[in-house]
N, C-alpha and C. Protein backbone atom coordinates (compact mmCIF):
# COMPACT_ATOMS: atom_id res chain seq x y z
N MET A 1 -23.75 -11.91 -17.34
CA MET A 1 -22.88 -11.06 -16.52
C MET A 1 -23.64 -10.67 -15.24
N THR A 2 -23.00 -10.87 -14.11
CA THR A 2 -23.63 -10.54 -12.83
C THR A 2 -23.36 -9.07 -12.51
N GLN A 3 -24.39 -8.45 -11.97
CA GLN A 3 -24.26 -7.05 -11.59
C GLN A 3 -23.70 -6.96 -10.17
N GLU A 4 -22.74 -6.06 -9.98
CA GLU A 4 -22.16 -5.86 -8.65
C GLU A 4 -23.20 -5.28 -7.70
N LYS A 5 -23.16 -5.75 -6.47
CA LYS A 5 -24.03 -5.22 -5.44
C LYS A 5 -23.20 -4.35 -4.50
N PRO A 6 -23.72 -3.18 -4.14
CA PRO A 6 -22.95 -2.32 -3.23
C PRO A 6 -22.77 -2.96 -1.86
N ILE A 7 -21.64 -2.63 -1.24
CA ILE A 7 -21.42 -3.01 0.15
C ILE A 7 -21.52 -1.73 0.98
N VAL A 8 -21.97 -1.86 2.20
CA VAL A 8 -22.14 -0.70 3.07
C VAL A 8 -20.90 -0.55 3.93
N ILE A 9 -20.32 0.65 3.87
CA ILE A 9 -19.12 0.95 4.66
C ILE A 9 -19.32 2.28 5.39
N THR A 10 -18.52 2.50 6.39
CA THR A 10 -18.50 3.78 7.09
C THR A 10 -17.29 4.55 6.58
N VAL A 11 -17.50 5.80 6.21
CA VAL A 11 -16.39 6.64 5.77
C VAL A 11 -16.19 7.77 6.76
N LEU A 12 -14.93 8.12 6.97
CA LEU A 12 -14.56 9.23 7.84
C LEU A 12 -14.52 10.47 6.97
N VAL A 13 -15.28 11.48 7.35
CA VAL A 13 -15.49 12.66 6.53
C VAL A 13 -14.55 13.78 6.95
N LYS A 14 -14.01 14.48 5.95
CA LYS A 14 -13.11 15.60 6.21
C LYS A 14 -13.82 16.64 7.07
N GLY A 15 -13.14 17.14 8.07
CA GLY A 15 -13.71 18.11 8.99
C GLY A 15 -14.33 17.47 10.22
N GLY A 16 -14.33 16.13 10.27
CA GLY A 16 -14.86 15.42 11.43
C GLY A 16 -16.14 14.69 11.10
N GLY A 17 -16.41 13.69 11.85
CA GLY A 17 -17.63 12.91 11.68
C GLY A 17 -17.46 11.75 10.72
N TYR A 18 -18.58 11.13 10.44
CA TYR A 18 -18.57 9.96 9.58
C TYR A 18 -19.91 9.88 8.85
N ASP A 19 -19.96 9.03 7.85
CA ASP A 19 -21.18 8.79 7.09
C ASP A 19 -21.18 7.33 6.67
N THR A 20 -22.33 6.78 6.45
CA THR A 20 -22.46 5.41 5.97
C THR A 20 -22.90 5.47 4.52
N ILE A 21 -22.15 4.79 3.64
CA ILE A 21 -22.46 4.83 2.22
C ILE A 21 -22.44 3.43 1.64
N GLY A 22 -23.07 3.27 0.50
CA GLY A 22 -22.97 2.04 -0.27
C GLY A 22 -21.99 2.28 -1.40
N ILE A 23 -21.08 1.35 -1.61
CA ILE A 23 -20.07 1.49 -2.66
C ILE A 23 -19.89 0.15 -3.35
N LEU A 24 -19.66 0.18 -4.65
CA LEU A 24 -19.42 -1.05 -5.39
C LEU A 24 -18.04 -1.59 -5.02
N PRO A 25 -17.91 -2.90 -4.89
CA PRO A 25 -16.62 -3.48 -4.54
C PRO A 25 -15.49 -3.05 -5.48
N SER A 26 -15.79 -2.88 -6.75
CA SER A 26 -14.76 -2.48 -7.72
C SER A 26 -14.29 -1.04 -7.51
N MET A 27 -15.04 -0.24 -6.76
CA MET A 27 -14.67 1.14 -6.51
C MET A 27 -13.94 1.32 -5.17
N LEU A 28 -14.00 0.31 -4.33
CA LEU A 28 -13.41 0.40 -2.99
C LEU A 28 -11.88 0.51 -3.05
N GLY A 29 -11.25 -0.30 -3.86
CA GLY A 29 -9.78 -0.26 -4.00
C GLY A 29 -9.28 1.09 -4.49
N PRO A 30 -9.85 1.60 -5.59
CA PRO A 30 -9.42 2.92 -6.06
C PRO A 30 -9.65 4.03 -5.04
N LEU A 31 -10.76 3.95 -4.28
CA LEU A 31 -11.01 4.95 -3.23
C LEU A 31 -9.92 4.87 -2.18
N ALA A 32 -9.59 3.68 -1.73
CA ALA A 32 -8.55 3.50 -0.72
C ALA A 32 -7.20 4.01 -1.23
N GLU A 33 -6.86 3.71 -2.47
CA GLU A 33 -5.59 4.17 -3.05
C GLU A 33 -5.53 5.69 -3.13
N ALA A 34 -6.65 6.31 -3.52
CA ALA A 34 -6.69 7.77 -3.63
C ALA A 34 -6.53 8.42 -2.26
N ILE A 35 -7.19 7.86 -1.24
CA ILE A 35 -7.07 8.39 0.11
C ILE A 35 -5.63 8.26 0.60
N ARG A 36 -5.01 7.13 0.33
CA ARG A 36 -3.63 6.89 0.78
C ARG A 36 -2.66 7.85 0.10
N SER A 37 -2.84 8.10 -1.19
CA SER A 37 -1.89 8.95 -1.91
C SER A 37 -2.16 10.44 -1.78
N LYS A 38 -3.44 10.84 -1.75
CA LYS A 38 -3.78 12.27 -1.72
C LYS A 38 -4.25 12.77 -0.36
N GLY A 39 -4.57 11.86 0.55
CA GLY A 39 -5.05 12.26 1.87
C GLY A 39 -6.56 12.30 1.98
N SER A 40 -7.24 12.44 0.85
CA SER A 40 -8.70 12.42 0.84
C SER A 40 -9.17 12.23 -0.60
N GLU A 41 -10.45 11.96 -0.74
CA GLU A 41 -11.04 11.78 -2.08
C GLU A 41 -12.51 12.17 -1.99
N THR A 42 -13.01 12.83 -3.01
CA THR A 42 -14.42 13.20 -3.04
C THR A 42 -15.23 12.01 -3.54
N ALA A 43 -16.24 11.64 -2.77
CA ALA A 43 -17.17 10.58 -3.16
C ALA A 43 -18.47 11.26 -3.59
N HIS A 44 -18.87 11.01 -4.81
CA HIS A 44 -20.10 11.60 -5.34
C HIS A 44 -21.23 10.60 -5.19
N LEU A 45 -22.17 10.92 -4.33
CA LEU A 45 -23.33 10.07 -4.08
C LEU A 45 -24.53 10.65 -4.81
N VAL A 46 -25.62 9.93 -4.84
CA VAL A 46 -26.82 10.41 -5.51
C VAL A 46 -27.31 11.71 -4.87
N SER A 47 -27.27 11.78 -3.54
CA SER A 47 -27.85 12.93 -2.84
C SER A 47 -26.85 14.03 -2.50
N LYS A 48 -25.55 13.72 -2.53
CA LYS A 48 -24.55 14.71 -2.13
C LYS A 48 -23.15 14.23 -2.50
N SER A 49 -22.19 15.10 -2.33
CA SER A 49 -20.77 14.76 -2.47
C SER A 49 -20.12 14.96 -1.11
N ILE A 50 -19.22 14.05 -0.73
CA ILE A 50 -18.53 14.16 0.55
C ILE A 50 -17.04 13.95 0.34
N GLU A 51 -16.24 14.62 1.16
CA GLU A 51 -14.79 14.47 1.12
C GLU A 51 -14.40 13.41 2.13
N VAL A 52 -13.91 12.28 1.64
CA VAL A 52 -13.61 11.11 2.47
C VAL A 52 -12.13 11.08 2.81
N GLU A 53 -11.83 10.93 4.12
CA GLU A 53 -10.45 10.84 4.58
C GLU A 53 -10.08 9.47 5.11
N GLY A 54 -11.06 8.59 5.26
CA GLY A 54 -10.77 7.26 5.76
C GLY A 54 -11.95 6.34 5.56
N ILE A 55 -11.68 5.06 5.70
CA ILE A 55 -12.69 4.01 5.50
C ILE A 55 -12.67 3.10 6.71
N LEU A 56 -13.85 2.75 7.19
CA LEU A 56 -13.97 1.80 8.30
C LEU A 56 -14.92 0.70 7.86
N ILE A 57 -14.42 -0.52 7.83
CA ILE A 57 -15.24 -1.67 7.45
C ILE A 57 -15.30 -2.60 8.66
N THR A 58 -16.52 -2.92 9.07
CA THR A 58 -16.69 -3.76 10.26
C THR A 58 -17.41 -5.05 9.89
N GLY A 59 -17.13 -6.09 10.64
CA GLY A 59 -17.83 -7.36 10.46
C GLY A 59 -19.09 -7.41 11.30
N LYS A 60 -19.86 -8.44 11.11
CA LYS A 60 -21.14 -8.58 11.81
C LYS A 60 -20.97 -8.70 13.32
N GLY A 61 -19.87 -9.22 13.78
CA GLY A 61 -19.67 -9.45 15.21
C GLY A 61 -19.13 -8.27 15.98
N ILE A 62 -19.03 -7.10 15.36
CA ILE A 62 -18.41 -5.97 16.04
C ILE A 62 -19.23 -5.48 17.23
N GLY A 63 -20.53 -5.58 17.15
CA GLY A 63 -21.38 -5.13 18.25
C GLY A 63 -21.26 -3.64 18.49
N GLU A 64 -21.51 -3.23 19.71
CA GLU A 64 -21.38 -1.81 20.06
C GLU A 64 -20.01 -1.58 20.66
N ARG A 65 -19.24 -0.75 20.03
CA ARG A 65 -17.90 -0.44 20.50
C ARG A 65 -17.62 1.04 20.31
N VAL A 66 -16.69 1.52 21.07
CA VAL A 66 -16.18 2.86 20.85
C VAL A 66 -14.87 2.69 20.10
N ILE A 67 -14.77 3.34 18.97
CA ILE A 67 -13.57 3.24 18.15
C ILE A 67 -12.93 4.61 18.08
N MET A 68 -11.68 4.70 18.52
CA MET A 68 -10.95 5.96 18.46
C MET A 68 -9.90 5.84 17.38
N LEU A 69 -9.89 6.80 16.49
CA LEU A 69 -8.92 6.81 15.41
C LEU A 69 -8.05 8.05 15.51
N GLY A 70 -6.85 7.93 15.02
CA GLY A 70 -5.98 9.08 15.02
C GLY A 70 -4.57 8.70 15.38
N MET A 71 -3.65 9.29 14.69
CA MET A 71 -2.24 9.04 14.94
C MET A 71 -1.52 10.37 15.07
N GLY A 72 -2.21 11.37 15.60
CA GLY A 72 -1.62 12.70 15.72
C GLY A 72 -0.24 12.69 16.33
N GLY A 73 0.73 13.18 15.59
CA GLY A 73 2.09 13.28 16.10
C GLY A 73 2.89 12.01 16.01
N VAL A 74 2.31 10.92 15.52
CA VAL A 74 3.05 9.65 15.43
C VAL A 74 3.47 9.44 13.99
N LYS A 75 4.77 9.16 13.80
CA LYS A 75 5.26 8.91 12.45
C LYS A 75 4.82 7.53 11.99
N GLN A 76 4.29 7.48 10.78
CA GLN A 76 3.89 6.20 10.22
C GLN A 76 5.02 5.66 9.35
N PRO A 77 5.18 4.34 9.31
CA PRO A 77 6.28 3.76 8.53
C PRO A 77 6.12 4.00 7.05
């Protein structure tokens, strides 16, 4: 049996800001579903717990970019 290796993702933290965490691929789907249904989810890390409101996954070619997120006042389908 192969052991899962964590992938590094950026999470958007409740109250503003972001953090970079390692998460197992099998946990990524449930985290995304919880955020979509409840608006946020607590991620318990070894050193702390954080309230996650979004996930940002980037590829190797992203380089340095400014990324603005937010849909304030816009109705989502």
